[in-house]
């Protein structure tokens, strides 16, 4: 089988879904962010991350447990991807978090790897990997 036949014809569209998530997040367009999530999305932040509480199910859980809290706690929080790898429905993005924790005024920057699953144009699964110590340093007075 040639490389061309093995390639996923939907790879570019799957990466666009993930890339759009970051773009909408950066613009603060919460409805667009939530619109990319499958109704049964499974979302897991890294253990040790300030908002970790197991795996959340559904866009509303992501909104309440993560997005609202990020907006309330951080100034200029960002998640900027730099590179992507894809295999089937799985996409790995590598990038950098940055932001200033409002309560302490401390800034942080931390690399991340995110494992996404995209099916039928929707994000169905998310798993975060990052150096949580870098984020926790910003939270400590």
N, C-alpha and C. Protein backbone atom coordinates (compact mmCIF):
# COMPACT_ATOMS: atom_id res chain seq x y z
N UNK A 1 0.84 -1.17 0.00
CA UNK A 1 0.00 0.00 0.00
C UNK A 1 0.90 1.24 0.00
N UNK A 2 0.59 2.21 -0.84
CA UNK A 2 1.40 3.43 -0.90
C UNK A 2 1.08 4.34 0.27
N UNK A 3 2.02 5.26 0.53
CA UNK A 3 1.79 6.25 1.60
C UNK A 3 0.52 7.05 1.33
N UNK A 4 0.29 7.36 0.06
CA UNK A 4 -0.88 8.16 -0.30
C UNK A 4 -2.17 7.45 0.11
N UNK A 5 -2.24 6.13 -0.09
CA UNK A 5 -3.44 5.38 0.25
C UNK A 5 -3.60 5.23 1.76
N UNK A 6 -2.50 5.25 2.49
CA UNK A 6 -2.57 5.11 3.94
C UNK A 6 -2.96 6.41 4.63
N UNK A 7 -2.78 7.51 3.99
CA UNK A 7 -3.09 8.80 4.59
C UNK A 7 -4.58 8.94 4.84
N UNK A 8 -4.89 9.57 5.93
CA UNK A 8 -6.29 9.83 6.28
C UNK A 8 -6.75 11.04 5.48
N UNK A 9 -7.73 10.87 4.60
CA UNK A 9 -8.18 12.01 3.79
C UNK A 9 -8.81 13.11 4.65
N UNK A 10 -9.21 12.79 5.86
CA UNK A 10 -9.82 13.78 6.75
C UNK A 10 -8.83 14.37 7.75
N UNK A 11 -7.54 14.04 7.62
CA UNK A 11 -6.54 14.50 8.60
C UNK A 11 -6.53 16.02 8.71
N UNK A 12 -6.52 16.71 7.57
CA UNK A 12 -6.47 18.18 7.60
C UNK A 12 -7.70 18.75 8.29
N UNK A 13 -8.88 18.17 8.03
CA UNK A 13 -10.09 18.71 8.66
C UNK A 13 -10.09 18.44 10.16
N UNK A 14 -9.53 17.31 10.59
CA UNK A 14 -9.45 17.02 12.02
C UNK A 14 -8.50 17.99 12.72
N UNK A 15 -7.38 18.27 12.08
CA UNK A 15 -6.45 19.25 12.66
C UNK A 15 -7.09 20.63 12.69
N UNK A 16 -7.88 20.96 11.67
CA UNK A 16 -8.57 22.26 11.66
C UNK A 16 -9.54 22.38 12.84
N UNK A 17 -10.20 21.28 13.20
CA UNK A 17 -11.11 21.31 14.35
C UNK A 17 -10.33 21.68 15.62
N UNK A 18 -9.20 21.01 15.84
CA UNK A 18 -8.39 21.27 17.02
C UNK A 18 -7.81 22.69 16.97
N UNK A 19 -7.29 23.07 15.81
CA UNK A 19 -6.73 24.41 15.64
C UNK A 19 -7.79 25.48 15.89
N UNK A 20 -9.01 25.22 15.43
CA UNK A 20 -10.12 26.16 15.66
C UNK A 20 -10.42 26.30 17.14
N UNK A 21 -10.31 25.19 17.87
CA UNK A 21 -10.54 25.25 19.31
C UNK A 21 -9.58 26.27 19.93
N UNK A 22 -8.28 26.15 19.62
CA UNK A 22 -7.30 27.09 20.18
C UNK A 22 -7.58 28.53 19.72
N UNK A 23 -7.94 28.71 18.45
CA UNK A 23 -8.23 30.05 17.93
C UNK A 23 -9.40 30.68 18.67
N UNK A 24 -10.48 29.92 18.81
CA UNK A 24 -11.67 30.44 19.50
C UNK A 24 -11.38 30.70 20.98
N UNK A 25 -10.61 29.82 21.60
CA UNK A 25 -10.24 30.01 22.99
C UNK A 25 -9.45 31.31 23.15
N UNK A 26 -8.51 31.55 22.25
CA UNK A 26 -7.69 32.76 22.30
C UNK A 26 -8.50 34.03 22.13
N UNK A 27 -9.60 33.95 21.40
CA UNK A 27 -10.47 35.11 21.18
C UNK A 27 -11.54 35.24 22.26
N UNK A 28 -11.61 34.25 23.15
CA UNK A 28 -12.64 34.27 24.19
C UNK A 28 -14.02 33.95 23.65
N UNK A 29 -14.10 33.28 22.51
CA UNK A 29 -15.38 32.93 21.89
C UNK A 29 -15.87 31.59 22.45
N UNK A 30 -16.44 31.65 23.64
CA UNK A 30 -16.85 30.44 24.35
C UNK A 30 -17.92 29.66 23.58
N UNK A 31 -18.95 30.30 23.01
CA UNK A 31 -19.93 29.52 22.25
C UNK A 31 -19.29 28.72 21.11
N UNK A 32 -18.31 29.31 20.41
CA UNK A 32 -17.64 28.59 19.33
C UNK A 32 -16.80 27.44 19.87
N UNK A 33 -16.13 27.65 21.02
CA UNK A 33 -15.35 26.59 21.66
C UNK A 33 -16.28 25.42 21.99
N UNK A 34 -17.37 25.72 22.66
CA UNK A 34 -18.30 24.66 23.07
C UNK A 34 -18.94 23.97 21.87
N UNK A 35 -19.12 24.71 20.79
CA UNK A 35 -19.71 24.14 19.57
C UNK A 35 -18.84 23.09 18.92
N UNK A 36 -17.55 23.08 19.23
CA UNK A 36 -16.64 22.08 18.68
C UNK A 36 -16.64 20.78 19.48
N UNK A 37 -17.27 20.81 20.66
CA UNK A 37 -17.26 19.64 21.54
C UNK A 37 -18.47 18.75 21.29
N UNK A 38 -18.22 17.47 21.23
CA UNK A 38 -19.28 16.47 21.14
C UNK A 38 -20.15 16.55 22.41
N UNK A 39 -21.44 16.30 22.32
CA UNK A 39 -22.29 16.35 23.51
C UNK A 39 -21.82 15.43 24.64
N UNK A 40 -21.08 14.37 24.30
CA UNK A 40 -20.58 13.43 25.31
C UNK A 40 -19.05 13.49 25.45
N UNK A 41 -18.46 14.64 25.12
CA UNK A 41 -17.01 14.78 25.18
C UNK A 41 -16.50 14.34 26.56
N UNK A 42 -15.37 13.65 26.56
CA UNK A 42 -14.69 13.26 27.80
C UNK A 42 -13.45 14.14 27.91
N UNK A 43 -13.35 14.91 28.99
CA UNK A 43 -12.31 15.92 29.14
C UNK A 43 -11.54 15.68 30.43
N UNK A 44 -10.22 15.51 30.34
CA UNK A 44 -9.41 15.24 31.52
C UNK A 44 -8.22 16.19 31.56
N UNK A 45 -8.17 17.00 32.58
CA UNK A 45 -7.01 17.86 32.84
C UNK A 45 -5.95 17.02 33.54
N UNK A 46 -4.70 17.47 33.52
CA UNK A 46 -3.60 16.74 34.16
C UNK A 46 -3.79 16.71 35.67
N UNK A 47 -3.49 15.57 36.28
CA UNK A 47 -3.50 15.49 37.75
C UNK A 47 -2.51 16.52 38.27
N UNK A 48 -2.89 17.22 39.30
CA UNK A 48 -2.03 18.27 39.84
C UNK A 48 -2.33 19.63 39.25
N UNK A 49 -3.06 19.67 38.12
CA UNK A 49 -3.48 20.95 37.55
C UNK A 49 -4.53 21.53 38.48
N UNK A 50 -4.54 22.85 38.68
CA UNK A 50 -5.46 23.44 39.67
C UNK A 50 -6.93 23.06 39.49
N UNK A 51 -7.35 22.74 38.28
CA UNK A 51 -8.76 22.47 38.05
C UNK A 51 -9.05 20.98 37.84
N UNK A 52 -8.07 20.13 38.08
CA UNK A 52 -8.28 18.69 37.90
C UNK A 52 -9.30 18.16 38.91
N UNK A 53 -10.25 17.39 38.40
CA UNK A 53 -11.20 16.71 39.29
C UNK A 53 -11.73 15.46 38.59
N UNK A 54 -10.83 14.77 37.91
CA UNK A 54 -11.25 13.57 37.19
C UNK A 54 -11.63 13.91 35.76
N UNK A 55 -12.39 13.03 35.15
CA UNK A 55 -12.83 13.25 33.77
C UNK A 55 -14.22 13.85 33.78
N UNK A 56 -14.38 14.94 33.06
CA UNK A 56 -15.68 15.60 32.93
C UNK A 56 -16.35 15.09 31.66
N UNK A 57 -17.66 15.03 31.70
CA UNK A 57 -18.43 14.58 30.54
C UNK A 57 -19.34 15.72 30.09
N UNK A 58 -19.21 16.09 28.82
CA UNK A 58 -20.10 17.08 28.22
C UNK A 58 -19.55 18.50 28.23
N UNK A 59 -19.98 19.31 27.25
CA UNK A 59 -19.53 20.69 27.13
C UNK A 59 -19.83 21.55 28.36
N UNK A 60 -20.97 21.35 28.99
CA UNK A 60 -21.32 22.16 30.17
C UNK A 60 -20.32 21.92 31.31
N UNK A 61 -19.86 20.69 31.46
CA UNK A 61 -18.86 20.39 32.49
C UNK A 61 -17.55 21.09 32.17
N UNK A 62 -17.16 21.12 30.89
CA UNK A 62 -15.93 21.83 30.49
C UNK A 62 -16.10 23.33 30.75
N UNK A 63 -17.24 23.86 30.42
CA UNK A 63 -17.53 25.28 30.67
C UNK A 63 -17.41 25.61 32.15
N UNK A 64 -18.11 24.86 32.99
CA UNK A 64 -18.17 25.18 34.42
C UNK A 64 -16.90 24.85 35.19
N UNK A 65 -16.25 23.74 34.83
CA UNK A 65 -15.07 23.30 35.58
C UNK A 65 -13.76 23.90 35.09
N UNK A 66 -13.76 24.41 33.85
CA UNK A 66 -12.50 24.92 33.30
C UNK A 66 -12.63 26.34 32.75
N UNK A 67 -13.43 26.53 31.73
CA UNK A 67 -13.44 27.81 31.03
C UNK A 67 -13.83 28.99 31.92
N UNK A 68 -14.87 28.83 32.71
CA UNK A 68 -15.28 29.91 33.61
C UNK A 68 -14.20 30.20 34.65
N UNK A 69 -13.57 29.16 35.14
CA UNK A 69 -12.54 29.31 36.17
C UNK A 69 -11.28 29.96 35.59
N UNK A 70 -10.89 29.57 34.38
CA UNK A 70 -9.74 30.21 33.75
C UNK A 70 -9.98 31.70 33.58
N UNK A 71 -11.17 32.06 33.10
CA UNK A 71 -11.51 33.47 32.88
C UNK A 71 -11.52 34.25 34.19
N UNK A 72 -12.00 33.63 35.26
CA UNK A 72 -12.08 34.31 36.55
C UNK A 72 -10.72 34.43 37.23
N UNK A 73 -9.84 33.46 37.04
CA UNK A 73 -8.59 33.39 37.80
C UNK A 73 -7.37 33.95 37.11
N UNK A 74 -7.38 34.07 35.78
CA UNK A 74 -6.18 34.42 35.03
C UNK A 74 -6.39 35.65 34.16
N UNK A 75 -5.32 36.41 33.99
CA UNK A 75 -5.28 37.50 33.02
C UNK A 75 -4.46 37.00 31.84
N UNK A 76 -4.96 37.21 30.66
CA UNK A 76 -4.25 36.84 29.43
C UNK A 76 -3.82 35.38 29.41
N UNK A 77 -4.65 34.48 29.92
CA UNK A 77 -4.33 33.05 29.83
C UNK A 77 -4.37 32.65 28.36
N UNK A 78 -3.38 31.89 27.93
CA UNK A 78 -3.36 31.42 26.55
C UNK A 78 -2.83 30.00 26.47
N UNK A 79 -3.29 29.32 25.45
CA UNK A 79 -2.79 27.99 25.09
C UNK A 79 -2.49 28.06 23.60
N UNK A 80 -1.20 28.12 23.26
CA UNK A 80 -0.80 28.34 21.88
C UNK A 80 -0.10 27.09 21.34
N UNK A 81 -0.73 26.42 20.37
CA UNK A 81 -0.11 25.24 19.79
C UNK A 81 1.01 25.63 18.82
N UNK A 82 2.01 24.76 18.75
CA UNK A 82 3.12 25.00 17.83
C UNK A 82 3.26 23.90 16.79
N UNK A 83 2.78 22.70 17.12
CA UNK A 83 2.94 21.58 16.21
C UNK A 83 1.86 20.53 16.47
N UNK A 84 1.56 19.73 15.45
CA UNK A 84 0.54 18.69 15.54
C UNK A 84 1.08 17.38 14.96
N UNK A 85 0.62 16.28 15.56
CA UNK A 85 0.82 14.95 15.01
C UNK A 85 -0.56 14.31 14.93
N UNK A 86 -0.77 13.49 13.92
CA UNK A 86 -2.09 12.85 13.79
C UNK A 86 -1.91 11.39 13.39
N UNK A 87 -2.78 10.57 13.98
CA UNK A 87 -2.85 9.15 13.65
C UNK A 87 -4.32 8.76 13.77
N UNK A 88 -4.97 8.56 12.66
CA UNK A 88 -6.39 8.22 12.69
C UNK A 88 -7.21 9.36 13.27
N UNK A 89 -7.98 9.05 14.29
CA UNK A 89 -8.82 10.07 14.92
C UNK A 89 -8.11 10.81 16.05
N UNK A 90 -6.86 10.41 16.33
CA UNK A 90 -6.09 11.00 17.43
C UNK A 90 -5.15 12.09 16.91
N UNK A 91 -5.19 13.24 17.58
CA UNK A 91 -4.30 14.36 17.27
C UNK A 91 -3.56 14.73 18.54
N UNK A 92 -2.25 14.92 18.42
CA UNK A 92 -1.46 15.42 19.54
C UNK A 92 -1.01 16.82 19.15
N UNK A 93 -1.25 17.77 20.04
CA UNK A 93 -0.76 19.13 19.82
C UNK A 93 0.28 19.43 20.88
N UNK A 94 1.32 20.13 20.46
CA UNK A 94 2.38 20.57 21.37
C UNK A 94 2.38 22.08 21.36
N UNK A 95 2.46 22.68 22.54
CA UNK A 95 2.44 24.13 22.60
C UNK A 95 2.83 24.65 23.95
N UNK A 96 2.40 25.89 24.22
CA UNK A 96 2.78 26.57 25.45
C UNK A 96 1.58 27.27 26.07
N UNK A 97 1.44 27.08 27.38
CA UNK A 97 0.50 27.87 28.18
C UNK A 97 1.22 29.11 28.67
N UNK A 98 0.47 30.19 28.85
CA UNK A 98 1.02 31.39 29.47
C UNK A 98 -0.14 32.14 30.12
N UNK A 99 0.18 32.94 31.11
CA UNK A 99 -0.84 33.76 31.75
C UNK A 99 -0.35 34.30 33.07
N UNK A 100 -1.15 35.19 33.64
CA UNK A 100 -0.85 35.78 34.95
C UNK A 100 -2.01 35.45 35.88
N UNK A 101 -1.68 34.86 37.02
CA UNK A 101 -2.70 34.51 38.00
C UNK A 101 -3.11 35.79 38.73
N UNK A 102 -4.40 36.13 38.66
CA UNK A 102 -4.88 37.42 39.19
C UNK A 102 -4.59 37.61 40.66
N UNK A 103 -4.79 36.58 41.47
CA UNK A 103 -4.66 36.71 42.92
C UNK A 103 -3.23 37.01 43.37
N UNK A 104 -2.25 36.45 42.68
CA UNK A 104 -0.85 36.65 43.09
C UNK A 104 -0.11 37.63 42.20
N UNK A 105 -0.61 37.87 41.00
CA UNK A 105 0.09 38.72 40.04
C UNK A 105 1.28 38.03 39.39
N UNK A 106 1.45 36.74 39.66
CA UNK A 106 2.59 35.99 39.09
C UNK A 106 2.24 35.43 37.71
N UNK A 107 3.23 35.52 36.83
CA UNK A 107 3.08 34.98 35.49
C UNK A 107 3.67 33.57 35.43
N UNK A 108 3.20 32.82 34.46
CA UNK A 108 3.75 31.48 34.24
C UNK A 108 3.78 31.21 32.75
N UNK A 109 4.63 30.26 32.42
CA UNK A 109 4.71 29.72 31.08
C UNK A 109 5.07 28.25 31.22
N UNK A 110 4.34 27.38 30.53
CA UNK A 110 4.57 25.94 30.64
C UNK A 110 4.23 25.27 29.32
N UNK A 111 5.11 24.37 28.89
CA UNK A 111 4.84 23.60 27.67
C UNK A 111 3.72 22.59 27.95
N UNK A 112 3.00 22.23 26.89
CA UNK A 112 1.96 21.22 27.03
C UNK A 112 1.98 20.26 25.85
N UNK A 113 1.38 19.11 26.07
CA UNK A 113 1.00 18.17 25.01
C UNK A 113 -0.46 17.83 25.29
N UNK A 114 -1.29 17.96 24.28
CA UNK A 114 -2.71 17.63 24.39
C UNK A 114 -3.02 16.48 23.44
N UNK A 115 -3.73 15.50 23.95
CA UNK A 115 -4.18 14.38 23.12
C UNK A 115 -5.68 14.57 22.88
N UNK A 116 -6.03 14.77 21.64
CA UNK A 116 -7.42 15.00 21.22
C UNK A 116 -7.91 13.80 20.42
N UNK A 117 -9.21 13.55 20.49
CA UNK A 117 -9.85 12.62 19.57
C UNK A 117 -10.94 13.41 18.86
N UNK A 118 -10.94 13.34 17.53
CA UNK A 118 -11.92 14.05 16.72
C UNK A 118 -12.64 13.03 15.85
N UNK A 119 -13.96 13.03 15.96
CA UNK A 119 -14.79 12.15 15.12
C UNK A 119 -15.96 12.96 14.59
N UNK A 120 -16.22 12.81 13.30
CA UNK A 120 -17.34 13.50 12.65
C UNK A 120 -17.32 15.00 12.93
N UNK A 121 -16.14 15.60 12.92
CA UNK A 121 -16.02 17.04 13.06
C UNK A 121 -16.17 17.57 14.48
N UNK A 122 -16.22 16.68 15.46
CA UNK A 122 -16.39 17.09 16.86
C UNK A 122 -15.29 16.50 17.72
N UNK A 123 -14.92 17.23 18.75
CA UNK A 123 -13.94 16.75 19.73
C UNK A 123 -14.67 15.81 20.68
N UNK A 124 -14.21 14.56 20.74
CA UNK A 124 -14.88 13.58 21.59
C UNK A 124 -14.08 13.24 22.85
N UNK A 125 -12.78 13.59 22.83
CA UNK A 125 -11.94 13.27 23.99
C UNK A 125 -10.78 14.25 24.04
N UNK A 126 -10.37 14.62 25.27
CA UNK A 126 -9.23 15.50 25.49
C UNK A 126 -8.48 15.02 26.72
N UNK A 127 -7.16 14.98 26.61
CA UNK A 127 -6.30 14.62 27.73
C UNK A 127 -5.10 15.56 27.72
N UNK A 128 -4.83 16.19 28.87
CA UNK A 128 -3.77 17.18 28.99
C UNK A 128 -2.55 16.62 29.68
N UNK A 129 -1.37 17.00 29.15
CA UNK A 129 -0.10 16.71 29.79
C UNK A 129 0.65 18.04 29.89
N UNK A 130 1.11 18.39 31.10
CA UNK A 130 1.88 19.61 31.28
C UNK A 130 2.65 19.54 32.58
N UNK A 131 3.58 20.44 32.75
CA UNK A 131 4.34 20.55 34.00
C UNK A 131 3.47 21.37 34.96
N UNK A 132 2.67 20.69 35.76
CA UNK A 132 1.73 21.39 36.64
C UNK A 132 2.45 22.22 37.69
N UNK A 133 3.67 21.89 38.02
CA UNK A 133 4.42 22.67 39.02
C UNK A 133 4.61 24.10 38.55
N UNK A 134 4.80 24.31 37.25
CA UNK A 134 4.97 25.67 36.72
C UNK A 134 3.70 26.48 36.95
N UNK A 135 2.54 25.87 36.77
CA UNK A 135 1.29 26.57 36.98
C UNK A 135 1.07 26.83 38.47
N UNK A 136 1.36 25.83 39.28
CA UNK A 136 1.14 25.98 40.73
C UNK A 136 2.04 27.05 41.34
N UNK A 137 3.24 27.26 40.76
CA UNK A 137 4.11 28.33 41.25
C UNK A 137 3.43 29.69 41.15
N UNK A 138 2.67 29.90 40.09
CA UNK A 138 1.96 31.18 39.90
C UNK A 138 0.86 31.36 40.92
N UNK A 139 0.31 30.27 41.45
CA UNK A 139 -0.77 30.35 42.42
C UNK A 139 -0.28 30.60 43.85
N UNK A 140 1.00 30.37 44.08
CA UNK A 140 1.55 30.48 45.45
C UNK A 140 2.02 31.90 45.72
N UNK A 141 1.48 32.49 46.77
CA UNK A 141 1.89 33.89 47.09
C UNK A 141 3.35 34.00 47.48
